[in-house]
Protein backbone atom coordinates (compact mmCIF):
# COMPACT_ATOMS: atom_id res chain seq x y z
CA MET A 1 -33.63 -68.73 -95.98
CA ASP A 2 -29.87 -68.41 -95.46
CA PHE A 3 -28.62 -64.94 -94.56
CA SER A 4 -25.04 -66.00 -93.82
CA PHE A 5 -22.02 -65.05 -95.91
CA THR A 6 -20.27 -67.64 -98.05
CA GLU A 7 -16.93 -69.05 -96.96
CA GLU A 8 -15.19 -66.80 -99.50
CA GLN A 9 -17.04 -63.73 -98.26
CA GLU A 10 -16.20 -64.57 -94.64
CA ALA A 11 -12.54 -64.72 -95.63
CA VAL A 12 -12.81 -61.28 -97.25
CA ARG A 13 -14.54 -59.89 -94.16
CA GLU A 14 -11.94 -61.28 -91.77
CA LEU A 15 -9.07 -59.94 -93.88
CA ALA A 16 -10.67 -56.51 -94.29
CA ASP A 17 -11.53 -56.25 -90.58
CA ARG A 18 -7.98 -57.15 -89.60
CA ILE A 19 -6.34 -54.63 -91.92
CA PHE A 20 -8.71 -51.79 -91.07
CA THR A 21 -8.55 -52.49 -87.33
CA ASP A 22 -4.76 -52.82 -87.29
CA LEU A 23 -4.02 -49.74 -89.39
CA SER A 24 -6.92 -47.29 -88.97
CA THR A 25 -6.27 -46.86 -85.27
CA GLN A 26 -7.18 -43.80 -83.23
CA GLU A 27 -3.50 -42.88 -83.07
CA ARG A 28 -3.16 -43.16 -86.85
CA LEU A 29 -6.32 -41.14 -87.50
CA ARG A 30 -5.14 -38.42 -85.13
CA ALA A 31 -1.74 -38.32 -86.80
CA ILE A 32 -3.38 -37.79 -90.20
CA GLU A 33 -5.63 -35.05 -88.81
CA THR A 34 -2.72 -33.15 -87.25
CA SER A 35 -0.16 -33.74 -90.01
CA GLY A 36 -0.79 -30.42 -91.71
CA GLU A 37 -1.52 -32.17 -95.00
CA PRO A 38 -4.57 -30.65 -96.68
CA ASP A 39 -6.03 -34.00 -97.79
CA ARG A 40 -6.95 -36.66 -95.26
CA PHE A 41 -5.95 -39.73 -97.23
CA ASP A 42 -4.37 -42.76 -95.53
CA ALA A 43 -1.91 -43.80 -98.21
CA LYS A 44 -0.43 -46.54 -96.02
CA LEU A 45 -3.80 -48.19 -95.43
CA TRP A 46 -4.70 -47.88 -99.12
CA SER A 47 -1.40 -49.51 -100.04
CA GLU A 48 -1.96 -52.37 -97.60
CA LEU A 49 -5.45 -52.96 -99.00
CA ALA A 50 -3.91 -53.12 -102.46
CA ALA A 51 -1.21 -55.55 -101.32
CA ALA A 52 -3.92 -57.80 -99.85
CA GLY A 53 -5.82 -57.79 -103.15
CA LEU A 54 -8.82 -55.99 -101.69
CA LEU A 55 -8.84 -52.93 -103.94
CA GLY A 56 -9.57 -55.16 -106.91
CA ILE A 57 -11.97 -57.46 -105.10
CA ALA A 58 -14.85 -56.68 -107.50
CA LEU A 59 -12.79 -55.81 -110.60
CA PRO A 60 -12.05 -58.14 -113.53
CA GLU A 61 -9.24 -60.63 -113.38
CA SER A 62 -7.93 -59.13 -116.64
CA VAL A 63 -6.75 -56.06 -114.69
CA GLY A 64 -5.50 -57.99 -111.67
CA GLY A 65 -8.77 -58.06 -109.75
CA ALA A 66 -10.54 -60.96 -108.07
CA GLY A 67 -13.71 -60.79 -110.15
CA LEU A 68 -16.05 -60.96 -107.15
CA GLY A 69 -19.07 -58.75 -106.54
CA PHE A 70 -20.85 -55.99 -104.67
CA VAL A 71 -21.32 -57.94 -101.44
CA GLU A 72 -17.56 -58.27 -101.11
CA THR A 73 -17.16 -54.54 -101.76
CA GLY A 74 -19.83 -53.90 -99.13
CA LEU A 75 -17.72 -55.71 -96.56
CA LEU A 76 -14.96 -53.17 -97.18
CA ALA A 77 -17.41 -50.28 -96.88
CA GLU A 78 -18.69 -51.59 -93.55
CA ALA A 79 -15.16 -52.04 -92.21
CA ALA A 80 -14.17 -48.55 -93.34
CA GLY A 81 -17.22 -47.07 -91.61
CA ARG A 82 -16.50 -48.97 -88.41
CA THR A 83 -12.95 -47.58 -88.20
CA ALA A 84 -13.64 -44.09 -89.66
CA ALA A 85 -10.87 -44.79 -92.15
CA TYR A 86 -9.58 -42.08 -94.46
CA VAL A 87 -9.75 -44.08 -97.69
CA PRO A 88 -12.11 -43.70 -100.71
CA VAL A 89 -13.87 -47.04 -100.50
CA VAL A 90 -17.33 -45.74 -101.43
CA GLU A 91 -16.51 -43.48 -104.36
CA THR A 92 -13.72 -45.58 -105.87
CA LEU A 93 -14.39 -49.23 -105.03
CA ALA A 94 -18.19 -49.25 -104.85
CA ALA A 95 -18.95 -46.85 -107.69
CA ALA A 96 -16.40 -45.39 -110.11
CA ALA A 97 -14.04 -48.33 -110.68
CA PRO A 98 -16.73 -51.02 -111.11
CA ALA A 99 -18.66 -48.63 -113.40
CA ILE A 100 -15.63 -48.40 -115.67
CA ALA A 101 -15.41 -52.19 -115.59
CA ALA A 102 -19.11 -52.60 -116.38
CA PHE A 103 -19.60 -49.90 -119.03
CA GLY A 104 -16.14 -48.84 -120.17
CA SER A 105 -14.31 -49.69 -123.35
CA ASP A 106 -11.29 -52.00 -123.32
CA GLU A 107 -9.11 -48.90 -123.62
CA GLN A 108 -10.73 -47.21 -120.61
CA ILE A 109 -10.55 -50.38 -118.55
CA GLN A 110 -6.86 -50.93 -119.26
CA ARG A 111 -5.99 -47.26 -118.76
CA TRP A 112 -7.58 -46.80 -115.34
CA LEU A 113 -8.29 -50.05 -113.52
CA PRO A 114 -4.83 -51.63 -113.16
CA GLY A 115 -3.80 -48.51 -111.24
CA VAL A 116 -6.83 -48.83 -108.96
CA VAL A 117 -5.99 -52.46 -108.21
CA ALA A 118 -2.36 -51.54 -107.47
CA GLY A 119 -3.36 -48.68 -105.19
CA ASP A 120 -1.74 -46.06 -107.43
CA THR A 121 -4.90 -44.50 -108.88
CA VAL A 122 -8.03 -43.06 -107.30
CA VAL A 123 -11.11 -42.53 -109.46
CA THR A 124 -14.24 -40.85 -108.21
CA THR A 125 -17.77 -39.77 -109.09
CA ALA A 126 -19.32 -36.32 -109.47
CA LEU A 127 -22.94 -37.09 -108.63
CA VAL A 128 -23.95 -34.20 -106.39
CA GLU A 129 -26.18 -31.57 -108.02
CA LEU A 130 -26.76 -28.43 -105.98
CA GLY A 131 -30.52 -27.99 -105.89
CA GLY A 132 -31.08 -30.91 -108.21
CA VAL A 133 -30.69 -34.64 -108.68
CA PRO A 134 -27.90 -36.67 -110.33
CA GLY A 135 -30.14 -37.65 -113.25
CA ALA A 136 -30.61 -34.00 -114.23
CA PRO A 137 -27.02 -32.72 -114.36
CA SER A 138 -26.12 -29.06 -114.72
CA VAL A 139 -22.91 -29.71 -116.66
CA VAL A 140 -23.48 -29.44 -120.41
CA ALA A 141 -21.73 -31.61 -123.02
CA GLU A 142 -21.62 -30.26 -126.57
CA PRO A 143 -20.40 -32.21 -129.61
CA ASP A 144 -16.94 -31.09 -130.67
CA GLY A 145 -15.61 -32.87 -133.74
CA ASP A 146 -15.14 -36.51 -132.82
CA GLY A 147 -15.43 -35.71 -129.12
CA TRP A 148 -17.19 -33.47 -126.67
CA ARG A 149 -16.75 -30.14 -124.87
CA LEU A 150 -17.89 -30.04 -121.21
CA THR A 151 -18.86 -26.88 -119.35
CA GLY A 152 -20.21 -26.50 -115.83
CA VAL A 153 -19.47 -26.99 -112.14
CA LYS A 154 -19.61 -30.06 -109.90
CA ALA A 155 -19.53 -29.55 -106.14
CA CYS A 156 -18.77 -31.91 -103.26
CA VAL A 157 -16.84 -34.36 -105.43
CA PRO A 158 -15.51 -36.99 -102.97
CA SER A 159 -11.72 -37.35 -103.11
CA GLY A 160 -11.83 -34.64 -105.76
CA THR A 161 -8.44 -33.26 -104.71
CA THR A 162 -6.69 -36.65 -104.78
CA ALA A 163 -8.46 -38.47 -107.64
CA ALA A 164 -6.91 -38.83 -111.07
CA ALA A 165 -10.27 -38.90 -112.86
CA ALA A 166 -13.97 -38.46 -112.20
CA LEU A 167 -17.13 -39.85 -113.76
CA VAL A 168 -19.11 -36.73 -114.66
CA PRO A 169 -22.79 -36.87 -115.66
CA ALA A 170 -23.59 -34.21 -118.23
CA ARG A 171 -26.58 -32.98 -120.18
CA ILE A 172 -26.69 -33.43 -123.94
CA GLU A 173 -29.13 -31.11 -125.64
CA PRO A 174 -32.01 -31.26 -126.17
CA ASP A 175 -32.94 -33.83 -123.51
CA GLY A 176 -30.24 -36.48 -123.20
CA VAL A 177 -27.68 -37.27 -120.50
CA ALA A 178 -24.39 -39.14 -120.61
CA VAL A 179 -21.47 -39.94 -118.31
CA PHE A 180 -17.95 -38.85 -119.16
CA LEU A 181 -14.64 -40.09 -117.78
CA VAL A 182 -12.72 -36.86 -117.21
CA PRO A 183 -9.05 -36.74 -116.13
CA LEU A 184 -8.88 -34.08 -113.45
CA ASP A 185 -5.57 -32.78 -114.79
CA ALA A 186 -7.07 -32.12 -118.24
CA GLY A 187 -6.95 -28.64 -119.74
CA GLY A 188 -9.86 -26.51 -118.60
CA VAL A 189 -10.39 -28.45 -115.35
CA THR A 190 -10.00 -26.55 -112.08
CA VAL A 191 -10.31 -28.32 -108.73
CA GLU A 192 -10.75 -26.27 -105.57
CA ARG A 193 -10.72 -27.84 -102.13
CA GLN A 194 -13.95 -27.99 -100.15
CA VAL A 195 -13.90 -29.26 -96.57
CA ALA A 196 -16.84 -31.50 -95.67
CA ASN A 197 -18.45 -31.40 -92.25
CA ASN A 198 -16.39 -34.44 -91.21
CA GLY A 199 -13.12 -32.74 -92.15
CA VAL A 200 -12.52 -34.73 -95.34
CA SER A 201 -11.51 -32.84 -98.47
CA GLU A 202 -13.90 -32.77 -101.41
CA GLY A 203 -13.53 -31.03 -104.73
CA LEU A 204 -15.31 -28.13 -106.38
CA VAL A 205 -14.65 -29.08 -109.98
CA THR A 206 -15.07 -26.40 -112.64
CA LEU A 207 -15.14 -27.53 -116.26
CA SER A 208 -14.39 -24.66 -118.64
CA GLY A 209 -14.89 -26.00 -122.13
CA VAL A 210 -13.02 -29.20 -121.30
CA GLN A 211 -12.36 -31.24 -124.43
CA VAL A 212 -12.70 -34.99 -124.18
CA GLY A 213 -12.35 -37.37 -127.07
CA SER A 214 -14.84 -40.01 -128.08
CA ASP A 215 -12.90 -42.31 -125.73
CA GLY A 216 -13.97 -40.09 -122.82
CA LEU A 217 -17.60 -41.15 -123.08
CA LEU A 218 -18.52 -43.98 -120.69
CA GLY A 219 -20.81 -46.36 -122.53
CA THR A 220 -23.14 -44.62 -124.97
CA PRO A 221 -25.38 -41.55 -124.68
CA GLU A 222 -28.38 -43.88 -124.71
CA GLN A 223 -26.97 -45.66 -121.65
CA GLY A 224 -26.49 -42.40 -119.75
CA PRO A 225 -29.58 -42.49 -117.52
CA ALA A 226 -29.01 -46.15 -116.64
CA ILE A 227 -25.34 -45.56 -115.80
CA ILE A 228 -26.19 -42.62 -113.53
CA ALA A 229 -28.83 -44.70 -111.74
CA TRP A 230 -26.29 -47.54 -111.45
CA LEU A 231 -23.77 -45.19 -109.82
CA VAL A 232 -26.31 -43.64 -107.46
CA ASP A 233 -27.67 -47.01 -106.33
CA ARG A 234 -24.27 -48.44 -105.50
CA THR A 235 -23.01 -45.27 -103.87
CA THR A 236 -26.14 -44.94 -101.74
CA THR A 237 -26.00 -48.58 -100.63
CA ALA A 238 -22.29 -48.40 -99.84
CA LEU A 239 -22.97 -45.31 -97.71
CA ALA A 240 -25.65 -47.25 -95.81
CA LEU A 241 -23.19 -50.10 -95.23
CA SER A 242 -20.58 -47.62 -94.04
CA GLU A 243 -23.15 -46.25 -91.61
CA ALA A 244 -23.85 -49.80 -90.41
CA GLY A 245 -20.17 -50.03 -89.51
CA ALA A 246 -20.20 -46.60 -87.83
CA THR A 247 -23.22 -47.37 -85.65
CA ALA A 248 -21.79 -50.76 -84.67
CA ALA A 249 -18.62 -48.98 -83.53
CA ALA A 250 -20.63 -46.36 -81.63
CA LEU A 251 -22.56 -49.08 -79.80
CA ALA A 252 -19.31 -50.87 -78.92
CA LEU A 253 -18.05 -47.65 -77.32
CA VAL A 254 -21.32 -47.28 -75.40
CA SER A 255 -21.13 -50.84 -74.16
CA ALA A 256 -17.56 -50.49 -72.92
CA TYR A 257 -18.07 -47.09 -71.32
CA THR A 258 -21.36 -47.77 -69.50
CA LYS A 259 -19.98 -50.99 -68.02
CA GLU A 260 -16.93 -49.18 -66.65
CA ARG A 261 -18.50 -45.86 -65.58
CA GLU A 262 -19.96 -46.06 -62.09
CA GLN A 263 -22.40 -43.91 -60.14
CA PHE A 264 -23.67 -44.67 -56.65
CA GLY A 265 -21.35 -47.66 -56.59
CA LYS A 266 -22.90 -49.32 -59.66
CA ALA A 267 -22.05 -49.47 -63.35
CA ILE A 268 -24.41 -47.10 -65.16
CA ALA A 269 -25.18 -49.91 -67.64
CA THR A 270 -27.36 -51.41 -64.89
CA PHE A 271 -29.57 -48.30 -64.69
CA GLN A 272 -32.94 -48.75 -66.35
CA ALA A 273 -32.90 -45.49 -68.31
CA VAL A 274 -29.41 -46.18 -69.65
CA GLY A 275 -30.36 -49.71 -70.62
CA GLN A 276 -33.48 -48.57 -72.44
CA ARG A 277 -31.63 -45.88 -74.36
CA ALA A 278 -28.92 -48.34 -75.36
CA ALA A 279 -31.52 -50.91 -76.39
CA ASP A 280 -33.27 -48.39 -78.62
CA ALA A 281 -29.94 -47.58 -80.26
CA TYR A 282 -29.26 -51.28 -80.77
CA VAL A 283 -32.60 -51.73 -82.55
CA ASP A 284 -31.81 -48.80 -84.85
CA ALA A 285 -28.32 -50.16 -85.57
CA GLU A 286 -29.73 -53.58 -86.44
CA ALA A 287 -32.27 -51.98 -88.78
CA ILE A 288 -29.49 -50.06 -90.50
CA ARG A 289 -27.36 -53.18 -90.89
CA LEU A 290 -30.13 -55.48 -92.11
CA THR A 291 -31.67 -53.06 -94.60
CA ALA A 292 -28.26 -52.10 -95.98
CA TRP A 293 -27.29 -55.72 -96.54
CA GLN A 294 -30.66 -56.51 -98.08
CA ALA A 295 -30.09 -53.75 -100.65
CA ALA A 296 -26.51 -54.89 -101.26
CA TRP A 297 -27.56 -58.49 -101.80
CA ARG A 298 -30.26 -57.54 -104.28
CA ILE A 299 -27.78 -55.41 -106.23
CA ALA A 300 -25.26 -58.25 -106.28
CA GLU A 301 -27.93 -60.68 -107.50
CA GLY A 302 -29.13 -58.33 -110.23
CA LEU A 303 -32.58 -58.01 -108.67
CA PRO A 304 -34.73 -54.86 -108.58
CA ALA A 305 -33.59 -52.89 -105.54
CA ASP A 306 -35.00 -49.36 -105.86
CA LYS A 307 -37.29 -49.61 -102.83
CA GLU A 308 -34.75 -51.52 -100.74
CA ILE A 309 -32.06 -48.91 -101.42
CA ALA A 310 -34.40 -46.10 -100.37
CA VAL A 311 -35.31 -47.99 -97.19
CA ALA A 312 -31.64 -48.63 -96.40
CA LYS A 313 -30.65 -44.99 -96.86
CA PHE A 314 -33.65 -43.85 -94.81
CA TRP A 315 -32.53 -46.00 -91.88
CA ALA A 316 -28.90 -44.92 -92.31
CA ALA A 317 -29.94 -41.26 -92.23
CA ASP A 318 -32.72 -41.34 -89.64
CA GLY A 319 -31.69 -44.24 -87.42
CA GLY A 320 -28.02 -43.35 -87.68
CA GLN A 321 -28.64 -39.94 -86.14
CA ARG A 322 -30.54 -41.51 -83.24
CA VAL A 323 -27.74 -43.98 -82.57
CA VAL A 324 -24.89 -41.46 -82.45
CA HIS A 325 -26.93 -38.95 -80.44
CA ALA A 326 -27.78 -41.66 -77.92
CA ALA A 327 -24.13 -42.66 -77.79
CA VAL A 328 -23.06 -39.08 -77.07
CA HIS A 329 -25.68 -38.67 -74.33
CA LEU A 330 -24.80 -41.97 -72.65
CA HIS A 331 -21.15 -40.92 -72.52
CA GLY A 332 -21.97 -37.71 -70.69
CA GLY A 333 -19.20 -35.13 -70.97
CA VAL A 334 -16.88 -37.63 -72.62
CA GLY A 335 -19.28 -37.80 -75.56
CA VAL A 336 -18.46 -34.26 -76.68
CA ASP A 337 -14.69 -34.65 -76.39
CA ARG A 338 -13.25 -34.05 -79.88
CA GLU A 339 -10.35 -36.35 -79.05
CA TYR A 340 -12.65 -39.28 -78.28
CA PRO A 341 -13.33 -41.79 -81.12
CA LEU A 342 -17.07 -41.17 -80.97
CA HIS A 343 -16.60 -37.67 -82.37
CA ARG A 344 -15.47 -38.98 -85.78
CA LEU A 345 -18.36 -41.45 -85.93
CA PHE A 346 -20.79 -38.64 -85.13
CA LEU A 347 -19.46 -36.39 -87.90
CA ASN A 348 -19.28 -39.22 -90.42
CA THR A 349 -22.89 -40.12 -89.66
CA LYS A 350 -23.99 -36.57 -90.44
CA HIS A 351 -21.97 -36.61 -93.67
CA ILE A 352 -23.55 -39.91 -94.75
CA GLU A 353 -27.01 -38.62 -93.88
CA LEU A 354 -26.64 -35.59 -96.15
CA THR A 355 -24.97 -37.33 -99.10
CA LEU A 356 -27.34 -38.17 -101.99
CA GLY A 357 -30.46 -37.38 -99.99
CA GLY A 358 -31.46 -37.59 -96.36
CA ALA A 359 -34.38 -39.33 -94.70
CA THR A 360 -37.09 -37.12 -96.18
CA ASP A 361 -35.67 -37.49 -99.68
CA GLN A 362 -35.71 -41.27 -99.34
CA LEU A 363 -39.33 -41.27 -98.13
CA LEU A 364 -40.32 -39.13 -101.12
CA ARG A 365 -38.45 -41.47 -103.44
CA LEU A 366 -40.05 -44.52 -101.86
CA GLY A 367 -43.50 -42.97 -101.94
CA ALA A 368 -43.18 -42.15 -105.63
CA GLN A 369 -42.14 -45.73 -106.36
CA LEU A 370 -45.09 -47.15 -104.45
CA ALA A 371 -47.50 -44.74 -106.13
CA ALA A 372 -46.26 -45.83 -109.55
CA GLU A 373 -46.95 -49.51 -108.92
CA PRO A 374 -50.06 -50.94 -110.57
CA ALA A 375 -53.05 -51.23 -108.25
C-alpha cells in the first residue's frame, strides 16, 4: 500500500510550504496583529497564493483553476496550520468555493469562482448552530415569488467580516433544508464582528427577511441535506489537517528549544522526563496527521468517510490539546510568553477543537455510526 503523494502533489506541497514559510513569518504575523486593523487577513499572502495558482488548485479549469482535488487543498490547509497564517484556507478553499463548483449553476460558478481564483473574492460558510447541529439550521427560508426570503441569525461565521458571500443552510417548512448563496452586502443582511479565542474576526450574521432569487439557491432543496453534510465533512477534515500542521510546528519548537536549553550543564532534551513527554506528544501528532490524511484521501477518492472524519477530528481535538500543553510545559516560562510563536499555535488548537464539535461530540457521532451498522 502506497501512502506517498504523487509527483504533482509533492510539487503543490513544496510550493505551498515555500510561500507560507516565506510570507507568514513571525514578524509578519505580529505586524498584522498590531496594525490596528480590525480584521486579521493577510492580503499579501492571499495575493501570492493566487499568483502561484494555489487558490484555484481544486476549482475547475473553466474559471482559471487547476482542476485538482481535496488532497491538494489539504496540503494548503496543513501549511496554513503550520505557519498560523491569517488566510481563509478552510472556509473558502476547502468548503465554500468547491461547493459552488460542485453544486452551483453555471451562473453562480461564473459569478463567484473567478474572483476566488484571482484572490479578489472570499466566500465562506455559515455552518455553526448555537445549541444545535448544521443539519438542523435555525434560519428559516420562506418562498417569496420566484425566490426566497431568509430570516434568522448565524454566529461564528469564519471570515464573516471580509467575505463577499456565505453559504447559509436554512430550514424550509415543514421539514426540509436547503443551502443558499447569500451576498453579505444584500439588503437585510447585518454583519457584526465577533472575535474568536485566537483573535481572528468572525461574523454574527443577522438575516432580516433577506430576499434571494431562485439563483440564490445552491443546488436543489432535495440536495440540501447532502450539501450540508458535504460542507461539514470537508470543513472538519481541513480543520484536522490544519491541526496536523500546528502540532508539527509545536513539536519543531520543542525540539529546537530543549536541545538548546541547558540545566546542570546538559541540554534538557537528554533528561528522561523531558524525552518521555516529547515522545508522547510526537505519538499524538503522528496520530493527528495520519488520521487527517486518511479522511482527506477517502474524501478525494469518493469513498465513505464518516467514521474516518470523526476519528480525525477526535484526534485533532483531544490529541492536539495534549501536544500544545506538553509544548508549553517543556518550554517552561517561555511557553507562556504571548510574543513566542507557540502562543498562536496554542490558541489556534483550541479554536480548531471547538469548531464543529470537540472530542466528545466526535465520539458520540462515531458511536452512533457504529451502532447503526448491521450486526
